[in-house]
Amino acid sequence: MAAASKGTAHLWHIIAGVGAITNATVTAFSLDKEHANKGVTINEIGNEIEDRRDDLHQKGSITLIPRSAYTVPEAFTQVTYDSVIYLIEKVARVEAAGSQVQITFDIKKTEYVTLS
């Protein structure tokens, strides 16, 4: 008989400690990419002869469920996901009866802003 998996323990409405979220399960990740600077050149008869794109912006969200004590990071701090650093633009924290705490970050990364 195969061993039965009991699942992963997550937090139910607990916030404590210092620092940020260091142990959590990511339940959703989305990312859109778009160039902020777009330039199209049209010749004298109206044909498009050049299309330039620059300043790539990435926007999205990360939703996670904490596994251990945590503090919610403030907006305009940084989060690293999959070895990429993003700027947190908005933080949402949801507690619902019968469900674990869920935290969602709206994130942003731009081509010419270096995050460290």
N, C-alpha and C. Protein backbone atom coordinates (compact mmCIF):
# COMPACT_ATOMS: atom_id res chain seq x y z
N MET A 1 0.85 -1.18 0.00
CA MET A 1 0.00 0.00 0.00
C MET A 1 0.89 1.24 0.00
N ALA A 2 0.57 2.19 -0.86
CA ALA A 2 1.36 3.41 -0.98
C ALA A 2 1.11 4.33 0.21
N ALA A 3 2.12 5.10 0.55
CA ALA A 3 1.99 6.06 1.65
C ALA A 3 1.00 7.15 1.25
N ALA A 4 0.18 7.57 2.18
CA ALA A 4 -0.80 8.63 1.92
C ALA A 4 -0.18 9.98 2.23
N SER A 5 -0.36 10.92 1.32
CA SER A 5 0.14 12.27 1.53
C SER A 5 -0.91 13.06 2.32
N LYS A 6 -0.46 13.71 3.36
CA LYS A 6 -1.37 14.48 4.22
C LYS A 6 -1.51 15.94 3.78
N GLY A 7 -0.64 16.41 2.87
CA GLY A 7 -0.72 17.79 2.40
C GLY A 7 0.23 18.70 3.15
N THR A 8 0.13 19.97 2.87
CA THR A 8 1.01 20.99 3.43
C THR A 8 0.25 21.83 4.44
N ALA A 9 0.88 22.13 5.55
CA ALA A 9 0.26 22.99 6.56
C ALA A 9 0.42 24.46 6.17
N HIS A 10 -0.67 25.19 6.23
CA HIS A 10 -0.65 26.63 5.97
C HIS A 10 -1.26 27.34 7.17
N LEU A 11 -1.04 28.64 7.24
CA LEU A 11 -1.53 29.43 8.38
C LEU A 11 -2.99 29.82 8.24
N TRP A 12 -3.63 29.84 9.38
CA TRP A 12 -5.02 30.28 9.46
C TRP A 12 -5.07 31.56 10.28
N HIS A 13 -5.09 32.69 9.63
CA HIS A 13 -5.32 33.99 10.28
C HIS A 13 -4.26 34.35 11.32
N ILE A 14 -3.00 34.05 11.07
CA ILE A 14 -1.94 34.37 12.02
C ILE A 14 -0.97 35.33 11.36
N ILE A 15 -0.64 36.40 12.06
CA ILE A 15 0.37 37.34 11.58
C ILE A 15 1.30 37.64 12.74
N ALA A 16 2.58 37.47 12.55
CA ALA A 16 3.53 37.69 13.63
C ALA A 16 4.93 37.80 13.05
N GLY A 17 5.90 38.04 13.93
CA GLY A 17 7.30 38.04 13.52
C GLY A 17 7.75 39.33 12.89
N VAL A 18 8.98 39.32 12.45
CA VAL A 18 9.56 40.48 11.78
C VAL A 18 10.10 40.04 10.43
N GLY A 19 10.31 41.01 9.58
CA GLY A 19 10.81 40.68 8.25
C GLY A 19 9.69 40.64 7.26
N ALA A 20 9.63 39.59 6.48
CA ALA A 20 8.61 39.49 5.46
C ALA A 20 8.20 38.03 5.32
N ILE A 21 7.54 37.71 4.24
CA ILE A 21 7.10 36.34 4.02
C ILE A 21 8.28 35.55 3.44
N THR A 22 8.70 34.53 4.15
CA THR A 22 9.83 33.73 3.69
C THR A 22 9.46 32.29 3.42
N ASN A 23 8.26 31.89 3.79
CA ASN A 23 7.85 30.50 3.60
C ASN A 23 6.37 30.49 3.21
N ALA A 24 6.09 30.30 1.94
CA ALA A 24 4.71 30.34 1.46
C ALA A 24 4.56 29.50 0.21
N THR A 25 3.32 29.17 -0.11
CA THR A 25 3.00 28.47 -1.34
C THR A 25 2.40 29.47 -2.32
N VAL A 26 2.97 29.59 -3.49
CA VAL A 26 2.42 30.47 -4.52
C VAL A 26 1.28 29.72 -5.19
N THR A 27 0.08 30.31 -5.15
CA THR A 27 -1.09 29.67 -5.75
C THR A 27 -1.43 30.24 -7.12
N ALA A 28 -0.94 31.43 -7.42
CA ALA A 28 -1.20 32.03 -8.74
C ALA A 28 -0.11 33.04 -9.06
N PHE A 29 0.27 33.09 -10.33
CA PHE A 29 1.24 34.07 -10.81
C PHE A 29 0.83 34.47 -12.21
N SER A 30 0.75 35.77 -12.47
CA SER A 30 0.44 36.24 -13.81
C SER A 30 1.36 37.41 -14.14
N LEU A 31 1.71 37.54 -15.42
CA LEU A 31 2.63 38.60 -15.84
C LEU A 31 2.31 39.00 -17.26
N ASP A 32 2.09 40.29 -17.47
CA ASP A 32 1.88 40.85 -18.80
C ASP A 32 3.09 41.70 -19.15
N LYS A 33 3.51 41.64 -20.41
CA LYS A 33 4.64 42.44 -20.88
C LYS A 33 4.19 43.34 -22.01
N GLU A 34 4.61 44.62 -21.92
CA GLU A 34 4.24 45.58 -22.95
C GLU A 34 5.30 46.67 -23.01
N HIS A 35 5.59 47.14 -24.21
CA HIS A 35 6.54 48.24 -24.36
C HIS A 35 5.84 49.57 -24.10
N ALA A 36 6.47 50.41 -23.27
CA ALA A 36 5.89 51.70 -22.93
C ALA A 36 6.10 52.73 -24.04
N ASN A 37 7.21 52.63 -24.76
CA ASN A 37 7.50 53.56 -25.86
C ASN A 37 7.32 52.84 -27.18
N LYS A 38 6.38 53.34 -27.95
CA LYS A 38 6.09 52.74 -29.25
C LYS A 38 6.20 53.83 -30.31
N GLY A 39 6.90 53.51 -31.37
CA GLY A 39 7.04 54.49 -32.45
C GLY A 39 6.88 53.82 -33.80
N VAL A 40 6.03 54.41 -34.64
CA VAL A 40 5.79 53.89 -35.98
C VAL A 40 6.10 55.01 -36.97
N THR A 41 6.86 54.66 -38.02
CA THR A 41 7.16 55.63 -39.08
C THR A 41 6.37 55.26 -40.32
N ILE A 42 5.69 56.26 -40.87
CA ILE A 42 4.87 56.09 -42.07
C ILE A 42 5.52 56.89 -43.20
N ASN A 43 5.59 56.30 -44.41
CA ASN A 43 6.16 57.05 -45.54
C ASN A 43 5.11 57.98 -46.15
N GLU A 44 5.49 58.65 -47.22
CA GLU A 44 4.61 59.68 -47.80
C GLU A 44 3.32 59.14 -48.40
N ILE A 45 3.23 57.83 -48.67
CA ILE A 45 1.98 57.27 -49.21
C ILE A 45 1.20 56.48 -48.15
N GLY A 46 1.66 56.55 -46.90
CA GLY A 46 0.90 55.94 -45.81
C GLY A 46 1.30 54.53 -45.42
N ASN A 47 2.37 54.02 -45.99
CA ASN A 47 2.83 52.67 -45.64
C ASN A 47 3.71 52.72 -44.39
N GLU A 48 3.51 51.76 -43.52
CA GLU A 48 4.34 51.66 -42.33
C GLU A 48 5.70 51.11 -42.75
N ILE A 49 6.76 51.86 -42.47
CA ILE A 49 8.09 51.43 -42.89
C ILE A 49 9.01 51.14 -41.71
N GLU A 50 8.58 51.48 -40.51
CA GLU A 50 9.39 51.19 -39.33
C GLU A 50 8.49 51.09 -38.10
N ASP A 51 8.82 50.17 -37.23
CA ASP A 51 8.07 49.99 -35.98
C ASP A 51 9.09 49.80 -34.88
N ARG A 52 9.12 50.72 -33.94
CA ARG A 52 10.11 50.65 -32.86
C ARG A 52 9.39 50.47 -31.53
N ARG A 53 9.93 49.58 -30.71
CA ARG A 53 9.40 49.31 -29.38
C ARG A 53 10.55 49.42 -28.38
N ASP A 54 10.30 50.09 -27.25
CA ASP A 54 11.34 50.30 -26.25
C ASP A 54 10.71 50.38 -24.87
N ASP A 55 11.52 50.26 -23.84
CA ASP A 55 11.13 50.38 -22.43
C ASP A 55 10.07 49.34 -22.07
N LEU A 56 10.51 48.08 -22.01
CA LEU A 56 9.62 46.97 -21.70
C LEU A 56 9.13 47.05 -20.25
N HIS A 57 7.82 47.06 -20.06
CA HIS A 57 7.20 47.06 -18.73
C HIS A 57 6.54 45.71 -18.51
N GLN A 58 6.75 45.16 -17.31
CA GLN A 58 6.11 43.90 -16.93
C GLN A 58 5.23 44.19 -15.72
N LYS A 59 3.96 43.82 -15.80
CA LYS A 59 3.02 43.99 -14.70
C LYS A 59 2.28 42.70 -14.47
N GLY A 60 1.98 42.42 -13.20
CA GLY A 60 1.26 41.20 -12.91
C GLY A 60 0.90 41.09 -11.45
N SER A 61 0.67 39.85 -11.01
CA SER A 61 0.32 39.63 -9.61
C SER A 61 0.83 38.26 -9.16
N ILE A 62 1.08 38.17 -7.86
CA ILE A 62 1.47 36.93 -7.21
C ILE A 62 0.52 36.73 -6.04
N THR A 63 -0.13 35.57 -5.97
CA THR A 63 -0.99 35.23 -4.84
C THR A 63 -0.35 34.07 -4.11
N LEU A 64 -0.29 34.17 -2.77
CA LEU A 64 0.35 33.11 -2.00
C LEU A 64 -0.37 32.87 -0.68
N ILE A 65 -0.10 31.70 -0.12
CA ILE A 65 -0.62 31.32 1.19
C ILE A 65 0.58 31.06 2.10
N PRO A 66 0.74 31.83 3.18
CA PRO A 66 1.90 31.66 4.08
C PRO A 66 1.86 30.32 4.81
N ARG A 67 3.04 29.75 5.04
CA ARG A 67 3.19 28.50 5.79
C ARG A 67 3.69 28.73 7.20
N SER A 68 4.26 29.91 7.46
CA SER A 68 4.80 30.20 8.79
C SER A 68 4.53 31.66 9.12
N ALA A 69 4.87 32.06 10.34
CA ALA A 69 4.63 33.43 10.78
C ALA A 69 5.25 34.42 9.79
N TYR A 70 4.60 35.55 9.62
CA TYR A 70 5.02 36.50 8.59
C TYR A 70 4.59 37.91 8.96
N THR A 71 5.14 38.88 8.25
CA THR A 71 4.61 40.24 8.25
C THR A 71 4.36 40.59 6.79
N VAL A 72 3.34 41.34 6.54
CA VAL A 72 3.00 41.70 5.17
C VAL A 72 3.91 42.84 4.72
N PRO A 73 4.63 42.68 3.62
CA PRO A 73 5.48 43.75 3.11
C PRO A 73 4.63 44.97 2.71
N GLU A 74 5.22 46.13 2.81
CA GLU A 74 4.55 47.36 2.41
C GLU A 74 4.63 47.52 0.89
N ALA A 75 3.73 48.33 0.36
CA ALA A 75 3.80 48.69 -1.06
C ALA A 75 5.09 49.45 -1.30
N PHE A 76 5.60 49.34 -2.47
CA PHE A 76 6.84 49.98 -2.93
C PHE A 76 8.08 49.36 -2.29
N THR A 77 7.96 48.09 -1.85
CA THR A 77 9.13 47.30 -1.49
C THR A 77 9.30 46.25 -2.58
N GLN A 78 10.26 45.37 -2.41
CA GLN A 78 10.56 44.41 -3.46
C GLN A 78 10.25 42.99 -3.04
N VAL A 79 9.95 42.16 -4.04
CA VAL A 79 9.72 40.74 -3.83
C VAL A 79 10.49 39.99 -4.93
N THR A 80 11.07 38.87 -4.54
CA THR A 80 11.78 38.03 -5.52
C THR A 80 10.97 36.77 -5.75
N TYR A 81 10.66 36.51 -7.01
CA TYR A 81 9.94 35.29 -7.38
C TYR A 81 10.64 34.67 -8.58
N ASP A 82 10.98 33.41 -8.47
CA ASP A 82 11.65 32.67 -9.54
C ASP A 82 12.92 33.39 -9.98
N SER A 83 13.69 33.88 -9.00
CA SER A 83 14.97 34.57 -9.19
C SER A 83 14.86 35.91 -9.90
N VAL A 84 13.67 36.49 -10.00
CA VAL A 84 13.48 37.80 -10.61
C VAL A 84 12.94 38.75 -9.55
N ILE A 85 13.50 39.95 -9.47
CA ILE A 85 13.06 40.94 -8.48
C ILE A 85 12.00 41.83 -9.10
N TYR A 86 10.87 41.99 -8.40
CA TYR A 86 9.78 42.86 -8.82
C TYR A 86 9.52 43.90 -7.76
N LEU A 87 8.93 45.01 -8.14
CA LEU A 87 8.50 46.05 -7.22
C LEU A 87 7.04 45.79 -6.87
N ILE A 88 6.73 45.80 -5.57
CA ILE A 88 5.35 45.61 -5.13
C ILE A 88 4.62 46.94 -5.23
N GLU A 89 3.57 47.00 -6.03
CA GLU A 89 2.79 48.23 -6.17
C GLU A 89 1.58 48.26 -5.25
N LYS A 90 1.02 47.09 -4.93
CA LYS A 90 -0.18 47.02 -4.10
C LYS A 90 -0.17 45.69 -3.36
N VAL A 91 -0.67 45.71 -2.12
CA VAL A 91 -0.75 44.50 -1.31
C VAL A 91 -2.19 44.30 -0.87
N ALA A 92 -2.70 43.08 -1.05
CA ALA A 92 -4.04 42.74 -0.58
C ALA A 92 -3.93 41.50 0.29
N ARG A 93 -4.58 41.53 1.45
CA ARG A 93 -4.56 40.40 2.38
C ARG A 93 -5.99 39.99 2.66
N VAL A 94 -6.30 38.71 2.46
CA VAL A 94 -7.67 38.22 2.63
C VAL A 94 -7.70 37.13 3.68
N GLU A 95 -8.61 37.29 4.64
CA GLU A 95 -8.91 36.25 5.62
C GLU A 95 -10.38 35.91 5.48
N ALA A 96 -10.68 34.64 5.24
CA ALA A 96 -12.07 34.23 5.11
C ALA A 96 -12.31 33.03 6.01
N ALA A 97 -13.51 32.93 6.55
CA ALA A 97 -13.86 31.82 7.43
C ALA A 97 -13.64 30.50 6.70
N GLY A 98 -12.95 29.58 7.37
CA GLY A 98 -12.72 28.26 6.80
C GLY A 98 -11.65 28.21 5.72
N SER A 99 -10.86 29.28 5.60
CA SER A 99 -9.84 29.32 4.56
C SER A 99 -8.55 29.88 5.12
N GLN A 100 -7.45 29.57 4.48
CA GLN A 100 -6.17 30.11 4.91
C GLN A 100 -6.04 31.57 4.50
N VAL A 101 -5.10 32.25 5.13
CA VAL A 101 -4.79 33.63 4.77
C VAL A 101 -4.22 33.63 3.35
N GLN A 102 -4.70 34.54 2.52
CA GLN A 102 -4.15 34.71 1.17
C GLN A 102 -3.65 36.13 1.01
N ILE A 103 -2.48 36.25 0.42
CA ILE A 103 -1.89 37.56 0.19
C ILE A 103 -1.59 37.69 -1.30
N THR A 104 -2.00 38.82 -1.88
CA THR A 104 -1.75 39.07 -3.29
C THR A 104 -0.95 40.35 -3.44
N PHE A 105 0.12 40.27 -4.23
CA PHE A 105 0.93 41.44 -4.57
C PHE A 105 0.68 41.80 -6.02
N ASP A 106 0.40 43.07 -6.29
CA ASP A 106 0.45 43.56 -7.67
C ASP A 106 1.90 43.99 -7.88
N ILE A 107 2.53 43.45 -8.92
CA ILE A 107 3.96 43.66 -9.11
C ILE A 107 4.26 44.37 -10.43
N LYS A 108 5.48 44.94 -10.49
CA LYS A 108 5.89 45.67 -11.68
C LYS A 108 7.41 45.56 -11.83
N LYS A 109 7.86 45.49 -13.06
CA LYS A 109 9.29 45.52 -13.37
C LYS A 109 9.43 46.28 -14.67
N THR A 110 10.34 47.26 -14.70
CA THR A 110 10.55 48.03 -15.91
C THR A 110 11.99 47.85 -16.39
N GLU A 111 12.17 48.00 -17.68
CA GLU A 111 13.45 47.71 -18.32
C GLU A 111 14.59 48.58 -17.81
N TYR A 112 14.35 49.85 -17.55
CA TYR A 112 15.44 50.76 -17.24
C TYR A 112 15.54 51.12 -15.77
N VAL A 113 14.77 50.45 -14.91
CA VAL A 113 14.89 50.65 -13.45
C VAL A 113 15.52 49.39 -12.88
N THR A 114 16.69 49.55 -12.26
CA THR A 114 17.39 48.42 -11.68
C THR A 114 16.96 48.22 -10.24
N LEU A 115 16.44 47.04 -9.92
CA LEU A 115 16.03 46.71 -8.56
C LEU A 115 17.12 45.84 -7.96
N SER A 116 17.39 46.08 -6.66
CA SER A 116 18.44 45.26 -6.01
C SER A 116 17.96 44.72 -4.69
